[in-house]
């Protein structure tokens, strides 16, 4: 069997609010309860993101989702409808633009706990370097 990422932990100030927000934006199911103290977001049939409330400081994380172009358009529509500001670069101003420099579409946004979410249609991380 190939190695697959099954689940990961996302620290947050309010696990319920953070899980619901991501699930609503991605258009995927979530639950207020899961195994242990977590609020799971069911990203796909093989990946669960378990949101946990952190009592102290935690590092800001970066999470990237690769989707088909039609899913990108739908998710970007939900981002816009929710009034979430986004940008075309990992850091910098919220320019409300879509980056198309890598042969696909990319947007970034921060959720209330500071984590950076990335949505793209083509993986630049897996493209050969010149």
N, C-alpha and C. Protein backbone atom coordinates (compact mmCIF):
# COMPACT_ATOMS: atom_id res chain seq x y z
N UNK A 1 0.85 -1.19 0.00
CA UNK A 1 0.00 0.00 0.00
C UNK A 1 0.88 1.24 0.00
N UNK A 2 0.52 2.23 -0.78
CA UNK A 2 1.24 3.49 -0.81
C UNK A 2 1.02 4.25 0.49
N UNK A 3 1.96 5.06 0.87
CA UNK A 3 1.81 5.90 2.06
C UNK A 3 0.82 7.02 1.74
N UNK A 4 -0.15 7.20 2.63
CA UNK A 4 -1.14 8.24 2.45
C UNK A 4 -1.31 9.00 3.75
N UNK A 5 -1.49 10.30 3.67
CA UNK A 5 -1.79 11.09 4.84
C UNK A 5 -3.24 10.83 5.22
N UNK A 6 -3.49 10.41 6.45
CA UNK A 6 -4.83 10.04 6.90
C UNK A 6 -5.52 11.21 7.62
N UNK A 7 -4.82 11.81 8.57
CA UNK A 7 -5.40 12.94 9.30
C UNK A 7 -4.28 13.82 9.85
N UNK A 8 -4.65 15.03 10.16
CA UNK A 8 -3.68 15.93 10.78
C UNK A 8 -4.41 16.83 11.75
N UNK A 9 -3.66 17.37 12.68
CA UNK A 9 -4.20 18.21 13.74
C UNK A 9 -4.01 19.67 13.38
N UNK A 10 -5.06 20.46 13.54
CA UNK A 10 -5.01 21.89 13.30
C UNK A 10 -5.32 22.60 14.62
N UNK A 11 -4.33 23.27 15.22
CA UNK A 11 -4.60 24.00 16.46
C UNK A 11 -5.42 25.25 16.19
N UNK A 12 -6.30 25.58 17.12
CA UNK A 12 -7.17 26.74 16.94
C UNK A 12 -7.60 27.29 18.30
N UNK A 13 -8.10 28.49 18.30
CA UNK A 13 -8.65 29.08 19.52
C UNK A 13 -10.06 28.55 19.79
N UNK A 14 -10.80 28.30 18.74
CA UNK A 14 -12.17 27.79 18.85
C UNK A 14 -12.34 26.71 17.79
N UNK A 15 -12.19 25.46 18.20
CA UNK A 15 -12.19 24.36 17.23
C UNK A 15 -13.50 24.27 16.45
N UNK A 16 -14.61 24.56 17.09
CA UNK A 16 -15.90 24.47 16.38
C UNK A 16 -15.99 25.52 15.27
N UNK A 17 -15.67 26.76 15.61
CA UNK A 17 -15.77 27.84 14.62
C UNK A 17 -14.78 27.63 13.48
N UNK A 18 -13.55 27.22 13.81
CA UNK A 18 -12.52 27.04 12.79
C UNK A 18 -12.87 25.88 11.85
N UNK A 19 -13.35 24.78 12.41
CA UNK A 19 -13.72 23.63 11.58
C UNK A 19 -14.90 23.97 10.68
N UNK A 20 -15.91 24.62 11.25
CA UNK A 20 -17.08 24.98 10.46
C UNK A 20 -16.71 25.92 9.32
N UNK A 21 -15.86 26.92 9.59
CA UNK A 21 -15.47 27.87 8.56
C UNK A 21 -14.77 27.17 7.40
N UNK A 22 -13.79 26.31 7.70
CA UNK A 22 -13.09 25.63 6.62
C UNK A 22 -14.04 24.70 5.85
N UNK A 23 -14.85 23.94 6.57
CA UNK A 23 -15.79 23.03 5.91
C UNK A 23 -16.76 23.79 5.00
N UNK A 24 -17.26 24.92 5.48
CA UNK A 24 -18.17 25.72 4.67
C UNK A 24 -17.49 26.23 3.41
N UNK A 25 -16.26 26.71 3.54
CA UNK A 25 -15.53 27.24 2.39
C UNK A 25 -15.23 26.13 1.38
N UNK A 26 -14.76 24.98 1.87
CA UNK A 26 -14.43 23.88 0.96
C UNK A 26 -15.66 23.14 0.45
N UNK A 27 -16.78 23.30 1.13
CA UNK A 27 -17.99 22.58 0.73
C UNK A 27 -17.93 21.11 1.08
N UNK A 28 -17.34 20.81 2.25
CA UNK A 28 -17.20 19.43 2.71
C UNK A 28 -17.85 19.27 4.08
N UNK A 29 -18.14 18.04 4.51
CA UNK A 29 -18.76 17.84 5.81
C UNK A 29 -17.78 18.01 6.97
N UNK A 30 -18.34 18.29 8.14
CA UNK A 30 -17.56 18.39 9.37
C UNK A 30 -18.47 17.93 10.51
N UNK A 31 -17.89 17.77 11.70
CA UNK A 31 -18.67 17.37 12.85
C UNK A 31 -18.20 18.14 14.09
N UNK A 32 -19.15 18.46 14.96
CA UNK A 32 -18.79 19.13 16.21
C UNK A 32 -18.07 18.19 17.17
N UNK A 33 -18.20 16.89 16.93
CA UNK A 33 -17.52 15.91 17.77
C UNK A 33 -16.84 14.87 16.90
N UNK A 34 -15.76 14.33 17.42
CA UNK A 34 -15.04 13.29 16.71
C UNK A 34 -14.36 12.40 17.71
N UNK A 35 -13.35 11.68 17.29
CA UNK A 35 -12.57 10.86 18.21
C UNK A 35 -11.75 11.81 19.07
N UNK A 36 -11.86 11.67 20.37
CA UNK A 36 -11.14 12.58 21.26
C UNK A 36 -11.80 13.95 21.28
N UNK A 37 -11.03 14.98 21.57
CA UNK A 37 -11.59 16.33 21.72
C UNK A 37 -11.66 17.13 20.41
N UNK A 38 -11.66 16.46 19.28
CA UNK A 38 -11.48 17.13 18.01
C UNK A 38 -12.80 17.40 17.28
N UNK A 39 -12.78 18.42 16.43
CA UNK A 39 -13.85 18.69 15.46
C UNK A 39 -13.28 18.33 14.10
N UNK A 40 -13.68 17.20 13.54
CA UNK A 40 -13.12 16.78 12.27
C UNK A 40 -13.76 17.47 11.06
N UNK A 41 -12.92 17.78 10.09
CA UNK A 41 -13.37 18.23 8.77
C UNK A 41 -12.97 17.13 7.81
N UNK A 42 -13.95 16.58 7.11
CA UNK A 42 -13.72 15.46 6.22
C UNK A 42 -13.40 15.99 4.82
N UNK A 43 -12.13 16.26 4.58
CA UNK A 43 -11.68 16.90 3.35
C UNK A 43 -12.00 16.03 2.14
N UNK A 44 -11.73 14.74 2.24
CA UNK A 44 -12.05 13.78 1.18
C UNK A 44 -12.11 12.39 1.82
N UNK A 45 -12.26 11.35 1.02
CA UNK A 45 -12.42 10.00 1.58
C UNK A 45 -11.17 9.52 2.32
N UNK A 46 -10.04 10.17 2.11
CA UNK A 46 -8.81 9.72 2.75
C UNK A 46 -8.17 10.68 3.71
N UNK A 47 -8.72 11.89 3.87
CA UNK A 47 -8.07 12.89 4.72
C UNK A 47 -9.07 13.60 5.62
N UNK A 48 -8.75 13.58 6.91
CA UNK A 48 -9.51 14.30 7.92
C UNK A 48 -8.61 15.33 8.57
N UNK A 49 -9.10 16.54 8.73
CA UNK A 49 -8.37 17.56 9.48
C UNK A 49 -9.07 17.70 10.82
N UNK A 50 -8.37 17.36 11.90
CA UNK A 50 -8.93 17.42 13.24
C UNK A 50 -8.57 18.74 13.89
N UNK A 51 -9.57 19.59 14.12
CA UNK A 51 -9.36 20.87 14.78
C UNK A 51 -9.41 20.67 16.28
N UNK A 52 -8.44 21.24 16.96
CA UNK A 52 -8.34 21.13 18.41
C UNK A 52 -8.15 22.52 19.00
N UNK A 53 -8.76 22.76 20.14
CA UNK A 53 -8.58 24.04 20.82
C UNK A 53 -7.26 24.01 21.57
N UNK A 54 -6.41 25.00 21.28
CA UNK A 54 -5.10 25.11 21.94
C UNK A 54 -5.20 26.14 23.05
N UNK A 55 -4.70 25.78 24.23
CA UNK A 55 -4.76 26.67 25.38
C UNK A 55 -3.72 27.79 25.30
N UNK A 56 -2.57 27.49 24.75
CA UNK A 56 -1.49 28.47 24.70
C UNK A 56 -1.17 28.85 23.28
N UNK A 57 -0.03 29.51 23.11
CA UNK A 57 0.38 29.89 21.75
C UNK A 57 0.68 28.66 20.90
N UNK A 58 0.48 28.80 19.61
CA UNK A 58 0.80 27.73 18.68
C UNK A 58 1.34 28.35 17.39
N UNK A 59 2.13 27.60 16.65
CA UNK A 59 2.69 28.15 15.41
C UNK A 59 1.62 28.25 14.32
N UNK A 60 1.74 29.26 13.52
CA UNK A 60 0.87 29.40 12.36
C UNK A 60 1.31 28.37 11.33
N UNK A 61 0.35 27.67 10.77
CA UNK A 61 0.62 26.61 9.80
C UNK A 61 0.15 27.03 8.40
N UNK A 62 0.65 26.32 7.40
CA UNK A 62 0.24 26.54 6.01
C UNK A 62 -0.33 25.22 5.50
N UNK A 63 -1.54 25.27 4.96
CA UNK A 63 -2.20 24.10 4.42
C UNK A 63 -2.62 24.40 2.99
N UNK A 64 -2.33 23.49 2.07
CA UNK A 64 -2.63 23.70 0.66
C UNK A 64 -3.56 22.60 0.15
N UNK A 65 -4.57 23.01 -0.61
CA UNK A 65 -5.52 22.08 -1.20
C UNK A 65 -5.45 22.19 -2.72
N UNK A 66 -5.21 21.06 -3.38
CA UNK A 66 -5.22 21.03 -4.85
C UNK A 66 -6.58 20.51 -5.30
N UNK A 67 -7.21 21.25 -6.19
CA UNK A 67 -8.55 20.92 -6.65
C UNK A 67 -8.64 21.09 -8.17
N UNK A 68 -9.68 20.55 -8.75
CA UNK A 68 -9.96 20.72 -10.18
C UNK A 68 -10.42 22.16 -10.42
N UNK A 69 -10.26 22.65 -11.64
CA UNK A 69 -10.66 24.03 -11.93
C UNK A 69 -12.11 24.37 -11.57
N UNK A 70 -13.04 23.44 -11.80
CA UNK A 70 -14.44 23.74 -11.45
C UNK A 70 -14.62 23.82 -9.94
N UNK A 71 -13.91 22.98 -9.18
CA UNK A 71 -13.96 23.07 -7.73
C UNK A 71 -13.32 24.38 -7.24
N UNK A 72 -12.23 24.78 -7.89
CA UNK A 72 -11.57 26.04 -7.55
C UNK A 72 -12.57 27.19 -7.67
N UNK A 73 -13.28 27.23 -8.79
CA UNK A 73 -14.25 28.30 -9.02
C UNK A 73 -15.35 28.29 -7.96
N UNK A 74 -15.83 27.10 -7.60
CA UNK A 74 -16.89 27.00 -6.59
C UNK A 74 -16.39 27.45 -5.22
N UNK A 75 -15.18 27.00 -4.85
CA UNK A 75 -14.63 27.38 -3.54
C UNK A 75 -14.33 28.87 -3.50
N UNK A 76 -13.75 29.41 -4.57
CA UNK A 76 -13.49 30.85 -4.61
C UNK A 76 -14.80 31.62 -4.50
N UNK A 77 -15.85 31.12 -5.10
CA UNK A 77 -17.16 31.75 -4.95
C UNK A 77 -17.64 31.78 -3.51
N UNK A 78 -17.40 30.68 -2.77
CA UNK A 78 -17.79 30.63 -1.36
C UNK A 78 -16.91 31.55 -0.52
N UNK A 79 -15.62 31.65 -0.87
CA UNK A 79 -14.72 32.58 -0.17
C UNK A 79 -15.24 34.00 -0.35
N UNK A 80 -15.56 34.36 -1.57
CA UNK A 80 -16.08 35.70 -1.86
C UNK A 80 -17.41 35.95 -1.15
N UNK A 81 -18.31 34.97 -1.21
CA UNK A 81 -19.63 35.12 -0.59
C UNK A 81 -19.51 35.29 0.93
N UNK A 82 -18.50 34.66 1.53
CA UNK A 82 -18.29 34.78 2.98
C UNK A 82 -17.57 36.07 3.35
N UNK A 83 -17.15 36.85 2.35
CA UNK A 83 -16.45 38.10 2.63
C UNK A 83 -15.03 37.90 3.12
N UNK A 84 -14.44 36.75 2.80
CA UNK A 84 -13.07 36.46 3.22
C UNK A 84 -12.11 37.13 2.24
N UNK A 85 -11.18 37.90 2.78
CA UNK A 85 -10.19 38.54 1.91
C UNK A 85 -9.14 37.52 1.53
N UNK A 86 -8.65 37.62 0.30
CA UNK A 86 -7.66 36.66 -0.19
C UNK A 86 -6.61 37.40 -1.00
N UNK A 87 -5.59 36.66 -1.36
CA UNK A 87 -4.48 37.27 -2.10
C UNK A 87 -3.89 36.27 -3.08
N UNK A 88 -3.03 36.78 -3.93
CA UNK A 88 -2.42 35.96 -4.98
C UNK A 88 -1.03 35.47 -4.61
N UNK A 89 -0.53 35.86 -3.45
CA UNK A 89 0.79 35.44 -2.99
C UNK A 89 0.71 34.92 -1.56
N UNK A 90 1.69 34.10 -1.13
CA UNK A 90 1.64 33.55 0.22
C UNK A 90 1.65 34.61 1.32
N UNK A 91 2.37 35.69 1.08
CA UNK A 91 2.47 36.79 2.04
C UNK A 91 2.18 38.07 1.28
N UNK A 92 1.77 39.07 1.98
CA UNK A 92 1.57 40.35 1.32
C UNK A 92 0.14 40.83 1.41
N UNK A 93 -0.12 41.83 0.59
CA UNK A 93 -1.42 42.50 0.61
C UNK A 93 -2.54 41.58 0.13
N UNK A 94 -3.72 41.80 0.68
CA UNK A 94 -4.90 41.08 0.22
C UNK A 94 -5.40 41.78 -1.04
N UNK A 95 -4.87 41.35 -2.17
CA UNK A 95 -5.14 42.00 -3.45
C UNK A 95 -6.40 41.49 -4.15
N UNK A 96 -7.03 40.47 -3.58
CA UNK A 96 -8.26 39.90 -4.14
C UNK A 96 -8.06 39.45 -5.59
N UNK A 97 -6.85 38.94 -5.88
CA UNK A 97 -6.50 38.49 -7.21
C UNK A 97 -6.18 36.99 -7.20
N UNK A 98 -6.29 36.35 -8.35
CA UNK A 98 -5.94 34.95 -8.53
C UNK A 98 -4.60 34.89 -9.24
N UNK A 99 -3.66 34.14 -8.69
CA UNK A 99 -2.33 33.96 -9.28
C UNK A 99 -2.44 32.88 -10.36
N UNK A 100 -1.94 33.19 -11.57
CA UNK A 100 -1.96 32.22 -12.67
C UNK A 100 -0.55 31.98 -13.23
N UNK A 101 0.47 32.32 -12.45
CA UNK A 101 1.85 32.23 -12.93
C UNK A 101 2.41 30.81 -13.05
N UNK A 102 1.77 29.83 -12.46
CA UNK A 102 2.33 28.47 -12.45
C UNK A 102 1.52 27.49 -13.30
N UNK A 103 0.77 28.01 -14.25
CA UNK A 103 0.02 27.14 -15.14
C UNK A 103 -1.34 26.73 -14.62
N UNK A 104 -1.76 27.33 -13.55
CA UNK A 104 -3.07 27.05 -12.97
C UNK A 104 -3.56 28.28 -12.23
N UNK A 105 -4.42 28.08 -11.27
CA UNK A 105 -4.96 29.17 -10.46
C UNK A 105 -4.60 28.93 -9.01
N UNK A 106 -4.24 30.02 -8.30
CA UNK A 106 -3.86 29.92 -6.89
C UNK A 106 -4.42 31.12 -6.14
N UNK A 107 -4.95 30.87 -4.94
CA UNK A 107 -5.29 31.94 -4.00
C UNK A 107 -4.87 31.51 -2.60
N UNK A 108 -4.65 32.49 -1.75
CA UNK A 108 -4.27 32.28 -0.36
C UNK A 108 -5.19 33.13 0.51
N UNK A 109 -5.50 32.63 1.72
CA UNK A 109 -6.23 33.42 2.69
C UNK A 109 -5.85 32.95 4.08
N UNK A 110 -6.06 33.82 5.05
CA UNK A 110 -5.80 33.48 6.44
C UNK A 110 -7.13 33.25 7.14
N UNK A 111 -7.13 32.27 8.02
CA UNK A 111 -8.32 32.07 8.83
C UNK A 111 -8.10 32.81 10.15
N UNK A 112 -9.12 32.95 10.99
CA UNK A 112 -9.00 33.80 12.18
C UNK A 112 -7.84 33.48 13.11
N UNK A 113 -7.38 32.23 13.17
CA UNK A 113 -6.25 31.88 14.03
C UNK A 113 -4.90 32.17 13.37
N UNK A 114 -4.91 32.65 12.14
CA UNK A 114 -3.68 33.03 11.46
C UNK A 114 -3.15 32.00 10.48
N UNK A 115 -3.68 30.78 10.51
CA UNK A 115 -3.20 29.78 9.55
C UNK A 115 -3.43 30.25 8.12
N UNK A 116 -2.51 29.87 7.24
CA UNK A 116 -2.60 30.26 5.83
C UNK A 116 -3.15 29.08 5.05
N UNK A 117 -4.25 29.31 4.37
CA UNK A 117 -4.84 28.31 3.49
C UNK A 117 -4.49 28.67 2.07
N UNK A 118 -4.15 27.66 1.28
CA UNK A 118 -3.82 27.85 -0.13
C UNK A 118 -4.72 26.93 -0.95
N UNK A 119 -5.21 27.45 -2.05
CA UNK A 119 -6.04 26.68 -2.96
C UNK A 119 -5.43 26.80 -4.34
N UNK A 120 -5.16 25.65 -4.99
CA UNK A 120 -4.55 25.70 -6.32
C UNK A 120 -5.09 24.60 -7.21
N UNK A 121 -4.90 24.79 -8.50
CA UNK A 121 -5.36 23.80 -9.47
C UNK A 121 -4.22 22.98 -10.06
N UNK A 122 -2.99 23.50 -10.01
CA UNK A 122 -1.83 22.81 -10.53
C UNK A 122 -0.74 22.88 -9.46
N UNK A 123 -0.14 21.76 -9.12
CA UNK A 123 0.90 21.74 -8.09
C UNK A 123 2.21 22.26 -8.63
N UNK A 124 2.60 23.44 -8.20
CA UNK A 124 3.93 23.97 -8.58
C UNK A 124 5.03 23.23 -7.84
N UNK A 125 4.71 22.61 -6.72
CA UNK A 125 5.70 21.87 -5.94
C UNK A 125 6.17 20.60 -6.65
N UNK A 126 5.37 20.10 -7.59
CA UNK A 126 5.69 18.85 -8.28
C UNK A 126 6.08 19.07 -9.74
N UNK A 127 6.24 20.30 -10.13
CA UNK A 127 6.67 20.58 -11.49
C UNK A 127 8.20 20.53 -11.58
N UNK A 128 8.72 20.01 -12.67
CA UNK A 128 10.18 19.96 -12.81
C UNK A 128 10.76 21.36 -12.86
N UNK A 129 11.92 21.52 -12.27
CA UNK A 129 12.63 22.80 -12.27
C UNK A 129 13.52 22.89 -13.49
N UNK A 130 13.62 24.10 -14.08
CA UNK A 130 14.50 24.23 -15.27
C UNK A 130 15.96 24.06 -14.93
